[in-house]
C-alpha atoms as a PDB file:
ATOM      1  CA  MET A   1      -0.649 -28.003  26.896  1.00  0.00           C
ATOM      2  CA  GLU A   2       1.257 -24.711  27.039  1.00  0.00           C
ATOM      3  CA  LYS A   3       0.661 -22.458  30.015  1.00  0.00           C
ATOM      4  CA  LEU A   4      -0.893 -19.176  28.962  1.00  0.00           C
ATOM      5  CA  LEU A   5       0.282 -15.819  30.189  1.00  0.00           C
ATOM      6  CA  ASP A   6      -2.261 -13.353  31.509  1.00  0.00           C
ATOM      7  CA  ILE A   7      -1.474 -10.688  28.903  1.00  0.00           C
ATOM      8  CA  SER A   8       0.409 -10.325  25.624  1.00  0.00           C
ATOM      9  CA  VAL A   9       1.080  -6.748  24.505  1.00  0.00           C
ATOM     10  CA  VAL A  10       1.816  -6.520  20.769  1.00  0.00           C
ATOM     11  CA  VAL A  11       3.505  -3.274  19.701  1.00  0.00           C
ATOM     12  CA  PRO A  12       4.210  -2.639  15.983  1.00  0.00           C
ATOM     13  CA  LEU A  13       6.912  -0.001  15.573  1.00  0.00           C
ATOM     14  CA  TYR A  14       8.695   1.926  12.867  1.00  0.00           C
ATOM     15  CA  ASN A  15      11.473   4.374  13.778  1.00  0.00           C
ATOM     16  CA  GLU A  16      10.426   4.822  17.417  1.00  0.00           C
ATOM     17  CA  GLU A  17      13.795   4.498  19.179  1.00  0.00           C
ATOM     18  CA  GLU A  18      13.108   7.432  21.530  1.00  0.00           C
ATOM     19  CA  SER A  19       9.747   6.260  22.857  1.00  0.00           C
ATOM     20  CA  LEU A  20      10.438   2.533  23.349  1.00  0.00           C
ATOM     21  CA  PRO A  21      12.251   2.613  26.727  1.00  0.00           C
ATOM     22  CA  GLU A  22       9.554   4.783  28.284  1.00  0.00           C
ATOM     23  CA  LEU A  23       6.757   2.672  26.794  1.00  0.00           C
ATOM     24  CA  VAL A  24       8.150  -0.678  27.975  1.00  0.00           C
ATOM     25  CA  GLU A  25       8.887   0.684  31.463  1.00  0.00           C
ATOM     26  CA  TRP A  26       5.317   2.014  31.656  1.00  0.00           C
ATOM     27  CA  ILE A  27       3.793  -1.299  30.537  1.00  0.00           C
ATOM     28  CA  ASP A  28       5.957  -3.211  33.014  1.00  0.00           C
ATOM     29  CA  ARG A  29       4.953  -0.922  35.886  1.00  0.00           C
ATOM     30  CA  VAL A  30       1.228  -1.174  35.150  1.00  0.00           C
ATOM     31  CA  VAL A  31       1.049  -4.933  34.531  1.00  0.00           C
ATOM     32  CA  ARG A  32       3.330  -5.921  37.408  1.00  0.00           C
ATOM     33  CA  GLY A  33       1.292  -3.648  39.640  1.00  0.00           C
ATOM     34  CA  GLU A  34      -1.722  -5.814  38.826  1.00  0.00           C
ATOM     35  CA  GLY A  35       0.249  -8.971  39.666  1.00  0.00           C
ATOM     36  CA  LEU A  36      -0.163 -10.378  36.147  1.00  0.00           C
ATOM     37  CA  SER A  37       2.167 -12.465  34.016  1.00  0.00           C
ATOM     38  CA  TYR A  38       2.858 -10.834  30.676  1.00  0.00           C
ATOM     39  CA  GLU A  39       4.988 -10.445  27.578  1.00  0.00           C
ATOM     40  CA  VAL A  40       5.674  -7.462  25.351  1.00  0.00           C
ATOM     41  CA  ILE A  41       6.174  -8.361  21.681  1.00  0.00           C
ATOM     42  CA  LEU A  42       7.935  -5.526  19.851  1.00  0.00           C
ATOM     43  CA  VAL A  43       7.653  -5.917  16.075  1.00  0.00           C
ATOM     44  CA  ASP A  44      10.160  -3.738  14.232  1.00  0.00           C
ATOM     45  CA  ASP A  45       8.660  -3.048  10.814  1.00  0.00           C
ATOM     46  CA  GLY A  46      11.962  -2.436   9.021  1.00  0.00           C
ATOM     47  CA  SER A  47      13.064   0.659  10.982  1.00  0.00           C
ATOM     48  CA  ASN A  48      16.059   2.554   9.630  1.00  0.00           C
ATOM     49  CA  ASP A  49      17.023   4.168  12.945  1.00  0.00           C
ATOM     50  CA  ASN A  50      18.314   2.463  16.109  1.00  0.00           C
ATOM     51  CA  SER A  51      14.969   0.961  17.119  1.00  0.00           C
ATOM     52  CA  TRP A  52      16.207  -2.643  16.929  1.00  0.00           C
ATOM     53  CA  GLN A  53      19.256  -1.896  19.052  1.00  0.00           C
ATOM     54  CA  VAL A  54      16.904  -0.395  21.646  1.00  0.00           C
ATOM     55  CA  VAL A  55      14.730  -3.544  21.497  1.00  0.00           C
ATOM     56  CA  GLU A  56      17.804  -5.696  22.116  1.00  0.00           C
ATOM     57  CA  SER A  57      18.827  -3.590  25.106  1.00  0.00           C
ATOM     58  CA  LEU A  58      15.291  -3.726  26.525  1.00  0.00           C
ATOM     59  CA  ARG A  59      15.335  -7.501  26.191  1.00  0.00           C
ATOM     60  CA  GLY A  60      18.361  -7.544  28.496  1.00  0.00           C
ATOM     61  CA  ARG A  61      16.562  -5.423  31.101  1.00  0.00           C
ATOM     62  CA  TYR A  62      13.087  -6.954  30.833  1.00  0.00           C
ATOM     63  CA  PRO A  63      12.911 -10.765  30.379  1.00  0.00           C
ATOM     64  CA  SER A  64       9.282 -10.422  29.263  1.00  0.00           C
ATOM     65  CA  VAL A  65      10.276  -8.443  26.165  1.00  0.00           C
ATOM     66  CA  LYS A  66      10.362 -10.304  22.857  1.00  0.00           C
ATOM     67  CA  GLY A  67      11.404  -8.871  19.495  1.00  0.00           C
ATOM     68  CA  ILE A  68      10.636  -9.512  15.838  1.00  0.00           C
ATOM     69  CA  LYS A  69      12.528  -7.610  13.142  1.00  0.00           C
ATOM     70  CA  PHE A  70      11.464  -7.371   9.501  1.00  0.00           C
ATOM     71  CA  ALA A  71      14.080  -7.088   6.765  1.00  0.00           C
ATOM     72  CA  ARG A  72      12.128  -4.167   5.284  1.00  0.00           C
ATOM     73  CA  ASN A  73       8.988  -2.139   5.876  1.00  0.00           C
ATOM     74  CA  TYR A  74       5.965  -4.383   5.259  1.00  0.00           C
ATOM     75  CA  GLY A  75       3.299  -2.345   7.046  1.00  0.00           C
ATOM     76  CA  LYS A  76       1.322  -2.450  10.258  1.00  0.00           C
ATOM     77  CA  SER A  77      -0.892  -5.361   9.222  1.00  0.00           C
ATOM     78  CA  ALA A  78       2.123  -7.627   8.675  1.00  0.00           C
ATOM     79  CA  ALA A  79       3.543  -6.592  12.046  1.00  0.00           C
ATOM     80  CA  LEU A  80       0.269  -7.395  13.817  1.00  0.00           C
ATOM     81  CA  TYR A  81      -0.035 -10.735  12.002  1.00  0.00           C
ATOM     82  CA  CYS A  82       3.400 -11.866  13.206  1.00  0.00           C
ATOM     83  CA  GLY A  83       2.783 -10.492  16.676  1.00  0.00           C
ATOM     84  CA  PHE A  84      -0.537 -12.349  16.931  1.00  0.00           C
ATOM     85  CA  ALA A  85       1.140 -15.583  15.816  1.00  0.00           C
ATOM     86  CA  GLU A  86       3.729 -15.214  18.586  1.00  0.00           C
ATOM     87  CA  ALA A  87       1.321 -14.125  21.349  1.00  0.00           C
ATOM     88  CA  ALA A  88       0.904 -16.546  24.261  1.00  0.00           C
ATOM     89  CA  GLY A  89      -1.428 -14.461  26.422  1.00  0.00           C
ATOM     90  CA  GLU A  90      -5.009 -15.198  27.439  1.00  0.00           C
ATOM     91  CA  VAL A  91      -5.768 -11.583  26.530  1.00  0.00           C
ATOM     92  CA  VAL A  92      -3.890  -9.809  23.723  1.00  0.00           C
ATOM     93  CA  ILE A  93      -3.491  -6.039  23.810  1.00  0.00           C
ATOM     94  CA  THR A  94      -2.283  -3.995  20.840  1.00  0.00           C
ATOM     95  CA  MET A  95      -0.994  -0.449  21.065  1.00  0.00           C
ATOM     96  CA  ASP A  96       1.113   1.944  19.046  1.00  0.00           C
ATOM     97  CA  ALA A  97       4.721   2.619  19.996  1.00  0.00           C
ATOM     98  CA  ASP A  98       4.538   6.425  19.907  1.00  0.00           C
ATOM     99  CA  LEU A  99       3.203   6.867  23.490  1.00  0.00           C
ATOM    100  CA  GLN A 100      -0.089   8.272  22.220  1.00  0.00           C
ATOM    101  CA  ASP A 101      -1.779   5.154  23.684  1.00  0.00           C
ATOM    102  CA  SER A 102      -1.701   4.873  27.474  1.00  0.00           C
ATOM    103  CA  PRO A 103      -0.722   1.522  29.086  1.00  0.00           C
ATOM    104  CA  ASP A 104      -2.825   2.590  32.080  1.00  0.00           C
ATOM    105  CA  GLU A 105      -5.820   1.390  30.057  1.00  0.00           C
ATOM    106  CA  ILE A 106      -4.599  -2.245  30.047  1.00  0.00           C
ATOM    107  CA  PRO A 107      -6.280  -3.449  33.293  1.00  0.00           C
ATOM    108  CA  ALA A 108      -9.684  -2.052  32.313  1.00  0.00           C
ATOM    109  CA  LEU A 109      -9.466  -3.521  28.818  1.00  0.00           C
ATOM    110  CA  ARG A 110      -8.555  -6.928  30.263  1.00  0.00           C
ATOM    111  CA  HIS A 111     -11.486  -6.682  32.659  1.00  0.00           C
ATOM    112  CA  MET A 112     -13.901  -6.056  29.770  1.00  0.00           C
ATOM    113  CA  ILE A 113     -12.628  -9.165  27.955  1.00  0.00           C
ATOM    114  CA  LEU A 114     -12.577 -11.594  30.887  1.00  0.00           C
ATOM    115  CA  ASP A 115     -15.353 -10.297  33.146  1.00  0.00           C
ATOM    116  CA  GLU A 116     -17.781  -8.597  30.776  1.00  0.00           C
ATOM    117  CA  GLY A 117     -17.562 -11.265  28.073  1.00  0.00           C
ATOM    118  CA  TYR A 118     -16.365  -9.247  25.093  1.00  0.00           C
ATOM    119  CA  ASP A 119     -14.365 -10.911  22.315  1.00  0.00           C
ATOM    120  CA  LEU A 120     -12.819  -7.634  21.207  1.00  0.00           C
ATOM    121  CA  VAL A 121     -12.717  -4.177  22.769  1.00  0.00           C
ATOM    122  CA  SER A 122     -11.653  -1.218  20.644  1.00  0.00           C
ATOM    123  CA  GLY A 123     -10.402   2.044  22.073  1.00  0.00           C
ATOM    124  CA  TRP A 124     -12.204   5.283  21.265  1.00  0.00           C
ATOM    125  CA  LYS A 125     -10.054   8.390  21.319  1.00  0.00           C
ATOM    126  CA  LYS A 126     -12.957  10.690  22.052  1.00  0.00           C
ATOM    127  CA  LYS A 127     -10.668  13.675  22.651  1.00  0.00           C
ATOM    128  CA  ARG A 128      -7.914  13.723  20.080  1.00  0.00           C
ATOM    129  CA  TYR A 129      -4.738  15.783  19.817  1.00  0.00           C
ATOM    130  CA  ASP A 130      -4.361  15.349  16.068  1.00  0.00           C
ATOM    131  CA  PRO A 131      -4.608  18.332  13.675  1.00  0.00           C
ATOM    132  CA  VAL A 132      -8.020  19.188  12.202  1.00  0.00           C
ATOM    133  CA  GLY A 133      -6.911  17.993   8.757  1.00  0.00           C
ATOM    134  CA  LYS A 134      -6.512  14.526  10.231  1.00  0.00           C
ATOM    135  CA  ARG A 135      -9.531  14.459  12.564  1.00  0.00           C
ATOM    136  CA  TRP A 136     -12.316  15.275  10.113  1.00  0.00           C
ATOM    137  CA  PRO A 137     -11.294  12.758   7.414  1.00  0.00           C
ATOM    138  CA  SER A 138     -11.049  10.200  10.230  1.00  0.00           C
ATOM    139  CA  LYS A 139     -14.605  10.983  11.392  1.00  0.00           C
ATOM    140  CA  PHE A 140     -15.945  10.545   7.857  1.00  0.00           C
ATOM    141  CA  PHE A 141     -13.976   7.337   7.404  1.00  0.00           C
ATOM    142  CA  ASN A 142     -15.324   5.869  10.655  1.00  0.00           C
ATOM    143  CA  TRP A 143     -18.894   6.856   9.763  1.00  0.00           C
ATOM    144  CA  THR A 144     -18.549   5.029   6.446  1.00  0.00           C
ATOM    145  CA  ALA A 145     -17.087   1.937   8.121  1.00  0.00           C
ATOM    146  CA  ARG A 146     -19.942   1.885  10.674  1.00  0.00           C
ATOM    147  CA  THR A 147     -22.538   2.200   7.926  1.00  0.00           C
ATOM    148  CA  VAL A 148     -21.066  -0.547   5.767  1.00  0.00           C
ATOM    149  CA  SER A 149     -20.214  -3.035   8.533  1.00  0.00           C
ATOM    150  CA  GLY A 150     -23.053  -2.446  10.990  1.00  0.00           C
ATOM    151  CA  ILE A 151     -20.510  -2.417  13.861  1.00  0.00           C
ATOM    152  CA  LYS A 152     -21.177   0.549  16.137  1.00  0.00           C
ATOM    153  CA  LEU A 153     -17.626   1.718  16.824  1.00  0.00           C
ATOM    154  CA  HIS A 154     -16.508   5.336  16.801  1.00  0.00           C
ATOM    155  CA  ASP A 155     -12.837   4.664  16.068  1.00  0.00           C
ATOM    156  CA  PHE A 156     -12.050   1.611  13.924  1.00  0.00           C
ATOM    157  CA  ASN A 157      -8.436   2.681  13.437  1.00  0.00           C
ATOM    158  CA  CYS A 158      -7.511   3.114  17.101  1.00  0.00           C
ATOM    159  CA  GLY A 159      -4.319   1.129  17.745  1.00  0.00           C
ATOM    160  CA  LEU A 160      -5.293   0.387  21.357  1.00  0.00           C
ATOM    161  CA  LYS A 161      -7.433  -2.760  21.318  1.00  0.00           C
ATOM    162  CA  ALA A 162      -7.927  -5.855  23.466  1.00  0.00           C
ATOM    163  CA  TYR A 163      -8.720  -9.330  22.149  1.00  0.00           C
ATOM    164  CA  ARG A 164      -9.642 -12.683  23.518  1.00  0.00           C
ATOM    165  CA  ARG A 165      -6.859 -15.081  22.518  1.00  0.00           C
ATOM    166  CA  LYS A 166      -9.148 -17.095  20.254  1.00  0.00           C
ATOM    167  CA  VAL A 167      -9.846 -14.010  18.140  1.00  0.00           C
ATOM    168  CA  VAL A 168      -6.241 -13.279  17.156  1.00  0.00           C
ATOM    169  CA  LYS A 169      -5.625 -16.948  16.398  1.00  0.00           C
ATOM    170  CA  SER A 170      -8.681 -17.119  14.106  1.00  0.00           C
ATOM    171  CA  ILE A 171      -8.287 -14.043  11.890  1.00  0.00           C
ATOM    172  CA  GLU A 172      -5.734 -13.214   9.206  1.00  0.00           C
ATOM    173  CA  VAL A 173      -4.604  -9.591   9.007  1.00  0.00           C
ATOM    174  CA  TYR A 174      -3.014  -8.714   5.662  1.00  0.00           C
ATOM    175  CA  GLY A 175      -2.454  -5.807   3.294  1.00  0.00           C
ATOM    176  CA  GLU A 176      -3.785  -2.727   5.089  1.00  0.00           C
ATOM    177  CA  MET A 177      -6.585  -4.591   6.883  1.00  0.00           C
ATOM    178  CA  HIS A 178      -5.453  -3.596  10.385  1.00  0.00           C
ATOM    179  CA  ARG A 179      -8.036  -0.805  10.149  1.00  0.00           C
ATOM    180  CA  TYR A 180     -10.802  -3.386   9.831  1.00  0.00           C
ATOM    181  CA  ILE A 181      -9.877  -5.975  12.447  1.00  0.00           C
ATOM    182  CA  PRO A 182     -13.322  -5.589  14.115  1.00  0.00           C
ATOM    183  CA  ILE A 183     -14.945  -6.423  10.761  1.00  0.00           C
ATOM    184  CA  LEU A 184     -12.626  -9.396  10.230  1.00  0.00           C
ATOM    185  CA  ALA A 185     -13.458 -10.612  13.751  1.00  0.00           C
ATOM    186  CA  LYS A 186     -17.187 -10.284  13.084  1.00  0.00           C
ATOM    187  CA  GLN A 187     -16.811 -12.267   9.848  1.00  0.00           C
ATOM    188  CA  ALA A 188     -15.035 -15.007  11.809  1.00  0.00           C
ATOM    189  CA  GLY A 189     -17.998 -15.271  14.187  1.00  0.00           C
ATOM    190  CA  PHE A 190     -16.878 -13.064  17.077  1.00  0.00           C
ATOM    191  CA  LYS A 191     -19.839 -10.736  17.512  1.00  0.00           C
ATOM    192  CA  ARG A 192     -19.288  -9.512  21.086  1.00  0.00           C
ATOM    193  CA  ILE A 193     -17.434  -6.347  20.095  1.00  0.00           C
ATOM    194  CA  GLY A 194     -17.258  -3.463  22.553  1.00  0.00           C
ATOM    195  CA  GLU A 195     -15.749  -0.023  22.862  1.00  0.00           C
ATOM    196  CA  LYS A 196     -14.004   1.919  25.612  1.00  0.00           C
ATOM    197  CA  VAL A 197     -13.180   5.615  25.754  1.00  0.00           C
ATOM    198  CA  VAL A 198      -9.391   5.827  26.123  1.00  0.00           C
ATOM    199  CA  GLU A 199      -6.906   8.617  26.684  1.00  0.00           C
ATOM    200  CA  HIS A 200      -5.240  10.028  23.598  1.00  0.00           C
ATOM    201  CA  ARG A 201      -1.907  11.644  24.358  1.00  0.00           C
ATOM    202  CA  ALA A 202      -0.067  14.197  22.261  1.00  0.00           C
ATOM    203  CA  ARG A 203       2.928  12.746  20.414  1.00  0.00           C
ATOM    204  CA  LYS A 204       6.044  13.193  22.554  1.00  0.00           C
ATOM    205  CA  TYR A 205       8.749  12.069  20.137  1.00  0.00           C
ATOM    206  CA  GLY A 206       9.169  12.045  16.366  1.00  0.00           C
ATOM    207  CA  PHE A 207       6.362  12.496  13.877  1.00  0.00           C
ATOM    208  CA  SER A 208       3.468  10.554  12.377  1.00  0.00           C
ATOM    209  CA  LYS A 209       4.442   7.881   9.836  1.00  0.00           C
ATOM    210  CA  PHE A 210       1.053   7.948   8.070  1.00  0.00           C
ATOM    211  CA  GLY A 211       0.088  10.355   5.299  1.00  0.00           C
ATOM    212  CA  MET A 212      -3.184  11.195   3.574  1.00  0.00           C
ATOM    213  CA  GLU A 213      -2.697   8.283   1.157  1.00  0.00           C
ATOM    214  CA  ARG A 214      -3.972   6.005   3.933  1.00  0.00           C
ATOM    215  CA  MET A 215      -7.473   7.462   3.371  1.00  0.00           C
ATOM    216  CA  VAL A 216      -7.486   6.227  -0.236  1.00  0.00           C
ATOM    217  CA  LYS A 217      -6.121   2.828   0.802  1.00  0.00           C
ATOM    218  CA  GLY A 218      -8.618   2.719   3.648  1.00  0.00           C
ATOM    219  CA  TYR A 219     -11.648   3.056   1.369  1.00  0.00           C
ATOM    220  CA  LEU A 220     -10.307   0.549  -1.132  1.00  0.00           C
ATOM    221  CA  ASP A 221      -9.746  -1.900   1.724  1.00  0.00           C
ATOM    222  CA  LEU A 222     -13.255  -1.226   3.033  1.00  0.00           C
ATOM    223  CA  ILE A 223     -14.688  -2.209  -0.354  1.00  0.00           C
ATOM    224  CA  THR A 224     -12.533  -5.347  -0.326  1.00  0.00           C
ATOM    225  CA  VAL A 225     -13.466  -6.472   3.173  1.00  0.00           C
ATOM    226  CA  SER A 226     -17.144  -5.695   2.576  1.00  0.00           C
ATOM    227  CA  PHE A 227     -17.155  -7.733  -0.645  1.00  0.00           C
ATOM    228  CA  MET A 228     -15.289 -10.630   0.957  1.00  0.00           C
ATOM    229  CA  SER A 229     -17.683 -10.727   3.896  1.00  0.00           C
ATOM    230  CA  ARG A 230     -20.655 -11.158   1.576  1.00  0.00           C
ATOM    231  CA  PHE A 231     -19.288 -13.103  -1.377  1.00  0.00           C
ATOM    232  CA  GLY A 232     -15.876 -14.443  -0.320  1.00  0.00           C
ATOM    233  CA  ARG A 233     -17.098 -18.041  -0.123  1.00  0.00           C
ATOM    234  CA  SER A 234     -19.541 -17.827  -3.042  1.00  0.00           C
ATOM    235  CA  PRO A 235     -18.251 -15.421  -5.737  1.00  0.00           C
ATOM    236  CA  MET A 236     -20.742 -16.872  -8.223  1.00  0.00           C
ATOM    237  CA  TYR A 237     -23.581 -15.214  -6.293  1.00  0.00           C
ATOM    238  CA  PHE A 238     -22.190 -11.793  -7.194  1.00  0.00           C
ATOM    239  CA  PHE A 239     -20.518 -12.256 -10.567  1.00  0.00           C
ATOM    240  CA  GLY A 240     -22.954 -14.885 -11.817  1.00  0.00           C
ATOM    241  CA  GLY A 241     -25.995 -12.915 -10.690  1.00  0.00           C
ATOM    242  CA  LEU A 242     -24.778  -9.653 -12.206  1.00  0.00           C
ATOM    243  CA  GLY A 243     -23.631 -11.425 -15.390  1.00  0.00           C
ATOM    244  CA  THR A 244     -26.982 -13.182 -15.831  1.00  0.00           C
ATOM    245  CA  LEU A 245     -28.840  -9.881 -15.361  1.00  0.00           C
ATOM    246  CA  MET A 246     -26.702  -8.085 -17.962  1.00  0.00           C
ATOM    247  CA  PHE A 247     -26.989 -11.007 -20.393  1.00  0.00           C
ATOM    248  CA  LEU A 248     -30.791 -10.999 -20.116  1.00  0.00           C
ATOM    249  CA  ILE A 249     -31.029  -7.220 -20.502  1.00  0.00           C
ATOM    250  CA  GLY A 250     -28.697  -7.234 -23.514  1.00  0.00           C
ATOM    251  CA  GLY A 251     -30.347 -10.274 -25.096  1.00  0.00           C
ATOM    252  CA  CYS A 252     -33.893  -8.973 -24.667  1.00  0.00           C
ATOM    253  CA  THR A 253     -32.932  -5.546 -26.017  1.00  0.00           C
ATOM    254  CA  THR A 254     -31.251  -7.117 -29.044  1.00  0.00           C
ATOM    255  CA  VAL A 255     -34.347  -9.185 -29.777  1.00  0.00           C
ATOM    256  CA  TRP A 256     -36.521  -6.084 -29.378  1.00  0.00           C
ATOM    257  CA  VAL A 257     -34.357  -4.047 -31.813  1.00  0.00           C
ATOM    258  CA  ILE A 258     -34.417  -6.811 -34.420  1.00  0.00           C
ATOM    259  CA  GLY A 259     -38.108  -7.491 -33.869  1.00  0.00           C
ATOM    260  CA  ALA A 260     -38.969  -3.812 -34.266  1.00  0.00           C
ATOM    261  CA  LYS A 261     -37.139  -3.719 -37.585  1.00  0.00           C
ATOM    262  CA  LEU A 262     -38.950  -6.837 -38.885  1.00  0.00           C
ATOM    263  CA  TYR A 263     -42.313  -5.393 -37.819  1.00  0.00           C
ATOM    264  CA  LYS A 264     -41.686  -2.101 -39.588  1.00  0.00           C
ATOM    265  CA  GLN A 265     -40.396  -3.942 -42.640  1.00  0.00           C
ATOM    266  CA  ALA A 266     -43.511  -6.120 -42.789  1.00  0.00           C
ATOM    267  CA  HIS A 267     -45.798  -3.078 -42.543  1.00  0.00           C
ATOM    268  CA  GLU A 268     -43.730  -0.954 -44.949  1.00  0.00           C
ATOM    269  CA  LEU A 269     -42.988   1.637 -42.257  1.00  0.00           C
ATOM    270  CA  PRO A 270     -39.890   3.888 -42.221  1.00  0.00           C
ATOM    271  CA  LEU A 271     -36.995   2.036 -40.627  1.00  0.00           C
ATOM    272  CA  ARG A 272     -33.271   2.224 -39.894  1.00  0.00           C
ATOM    273  CA  ALA A 273     -30.755  -0.509 -40.359  1.00  0.00           C
ATOM    274  CA  VAL A 274     -30.093  -2.398 -37.132  1.00  0.00           C
ATOM    275  CA  THR A 275     -26.392  -1.677 -37.448  1.00  0.00           C
ATOM    276  CA  ASP A 276     -27.128   2.072 -37.568  1.00  0.00           C
ATOM    277  CA  GLN A 277     -28.708   2.012 -34.100  1.00  0.00           C
ATOM    278  CA  PRO A 278     -26.411   2.650 -31.063  1.00  0.00           C
ATOM    279  CA  LEU A 279     -28.826   0.650 -28.894  1.00  0.00           C
ATOM    280  CA  PHE A 280     -27.963  -2.500 -30.863  1.00  0.00           C
ATOM    281  CA  TYR A 281     -24.249  -2.175 -30.030  1.00  0.00           C
ATOM    282  CA  LEU A 282     -24.988  -1.378 -26.389  1.00  0.00           C
ATOM    283  CA  SER A 283     -27.093  -4.526 -26.242  1.00  0.00           C
ATOM    284  CA  LEU A 284     -24.303  -6.635 -27.707  1.00  0.00           C
ATOM    285  CA  LEU A 285     -21.875  -5.089 -25.194  1.00  0.00           C
ATOM    286  CA  ALA A 286     -24.209  -6.027 -22.343  1.00  0.00           C
ATOM    287  CA  VAL A 287     -24.384  -9.618 -23.621  1.00  0.00           C
ATOM    288  CA  VAL A 288     -20.582  -9.898 -23.878  1.00  0.00           C
ATOM    289  CA  LEU A 289     -20.044  -8.375 -20.416  1.00  0.00           C
ATOM    290  CA  GLY A 290     -22.706 -10.651 -18.972  1.00  0.00           C
ATOM    291  CA  VAL A 291     -20.932 -13.734 -20.312  1.00  0.00           C
ATOM    292  CA  GLN A 292     -17.578 -12.491 -19.003  1.00  0.00           C
ATOM    293  CA  LEU A 293     -18.963 -11.769 -15.515  1.00  0.00           C
ATOM    294  CA  PHE A 294     -20.586 -15.187 -15.391  1.00  0.00           C
ATOM    295  CA  LEU A 295     -17.299 -16.828 -16.363  1.00  0.00           C
ATOM    296  CA  ALA A 296     -15.491 -14.734 -13.690  1.00  0.00           C
ATOM    297  CA  GLY A 297     -17.883 -16.109 -11.078  1.00  0.00           C
ATOM    298  CA  PHE A 298     -17.379 -19.651 -12.365  1.00  0.00           C
ATOM    299  CA  LEU A 299     -13.576 -19.302 -12.209  1.00  0.00           C
ATOM    300  CA  GLY A 300     -13.899 -17.814  -8.723  1.00  0.00           C
ATOM    301  CA  GLU A 301     -15.831 -20.883  -7.600  1.00  0.00           C
ATOM    302  CA  LEU A 302     -13.169 -23.195  -9.062  1.00  0.00           C
ATOM    303  CA  ILE A 303     -10.414 -21.294  -7.220  1.00  0.00           C
ATOM    304  CA  ASN A 304     -12.449 -21.237  -4.012  1.00  0.00           C
ATOM    305  CA  ARG A 305     -13.064 -24.986  -4.205  1.00  0.00           C
ATOM    306  CA  ALA A 306      -9.301 -25.586  -4.227  1.00  0.00           C
ATOM    307  CA  SER A 307      -8.690 -23.273  -1.243  1.00  0.00           C
ATOM    308  CA  SER A 308      -7.559 -24.846   2.032  1.00  0.00           C
ATOM    309  CA  GLU A 309      -9.660 -22.248   3.896  1.00  0.00           C
ATOM    310  CA  ARG A 310     -12.933 -23.251   2.211  1.00  0.00           C
ATOM    311  CA  ASN A 311     -14.191 -25.333   5.132  1.00  0.00           C
ATOM    312  CA  LYS A 312     -12.583 -23.436   7.993  1.00  0.00           C
ATOM    313  CA  TYR A 313     -15.267 -22.598  10.542  1.00  0.00           C
ATOM    314  CA  LEU A 314     -15.274 -21.238  14.073  1.00  0.00           C
ATOM    315  CA  ILE A 315     -16.617 -23.923  16.415  1.00  0.00           C
ATOM    316  CA  GLU A 316     -17.591 -22.497  19.791  1.00  0.00           C
ATOM    317  CA  LYS A 317     -18.691 -25.690  21.573  1.00  0.00           C
ATOM    318  CA  THR A 318     -18.957 -29.416  20.901  1.00  0.00           C
ATOM    319  CA  LEU A 319     -20.672 -32.297  22.678  1.00  0.00           C
ATOM    320  CA  LYS A 320     -19.450 -35.825  22.153  1.00  0.00           C
END
C-alpha cells in the first residue's frame, strides 16, 4: 500500500511564469513550517510563455514539485482532472497560480478536513479585489447555483478548496465543470461540504485569463449538472414522462377536435373542416413530439445500460 503524503497542492496554470517562483516558495515555507510532507503538482494548461521552463527550474530547486504539461490549452477542468489523478496526499488543496489565493490558508483548510470532518471545504472570498463588472455577475451566478443545488456556499468558483482524498478520486471533472465541483461531490455522496472565509489578494502579475463568456458557459453547465444529478441514471424518467404527457395532451385534443366536428355534423350545426383548425395541427405536433421524446428516453436508457459507470457507487463502510 502506497504511503500517503500529508498534502497535495494542485495548481492549474496558464501563462503565469512571473508568479510561479513566488507561489511555490510560499507554499514550501508554509507547509514545511507545519512539519508536513507535501507535493506541489503544477499543471501547465498549454501556456505559450515560459511557464514550463519555470516549472522545470522549480523542480530542480524543490524535490516536492511535480509538473504536467498539456500540448494545448484544454481548460481548467482538464488540468484539475489530471492533477487529481496524480495527487498522493491525504488532503488535496487546489489554488490558482496568480497569487490571488494565499497559501497561508492551507493549515486551516487541512484542519477543517481532518479534525472537523468535512469532505470538501470551499474558500469564500468575502472581500474581493475584482472590478465591479466581475463581482456582481459572480454574485448572481453564485445565488443561482445555491438555489439550484441546495448547497449553501457563497463562492462556488473560488479556486482555493480543500478535499479529502477520497473525494478527488471519486469525481470526474470535465468540460467547464470545475465551477461545480461541490455539486459533483454532493452527487457522489459527499455531503459534508463546508466553507471558509479566505483572503483574496489583488493580482500582482499579468492579467485575468477569463472573459465574460464564462458566465454563459457557467449557466449552461449548471443546467447540465442539475439535469445529470436528477436524471443521469434514469433519462427515461424525464424524457419518457414529458413525452407521455405531450402525447396524451395531443391525442386527447385531437379526439376532442374530431369529436366536436362529428357532434356538430350530426346536429346540423355550423362547423369548420378539421384541417382548417390550427388546434388540430398543434395537437398532431404534440403527439409527434411526445413520441420523439419517449424514444429519446428509451435510447438514453439503452446507452446508460451499456455504460461502465452504471453501477459505480460510493461505499463508505462494509462489514464482512
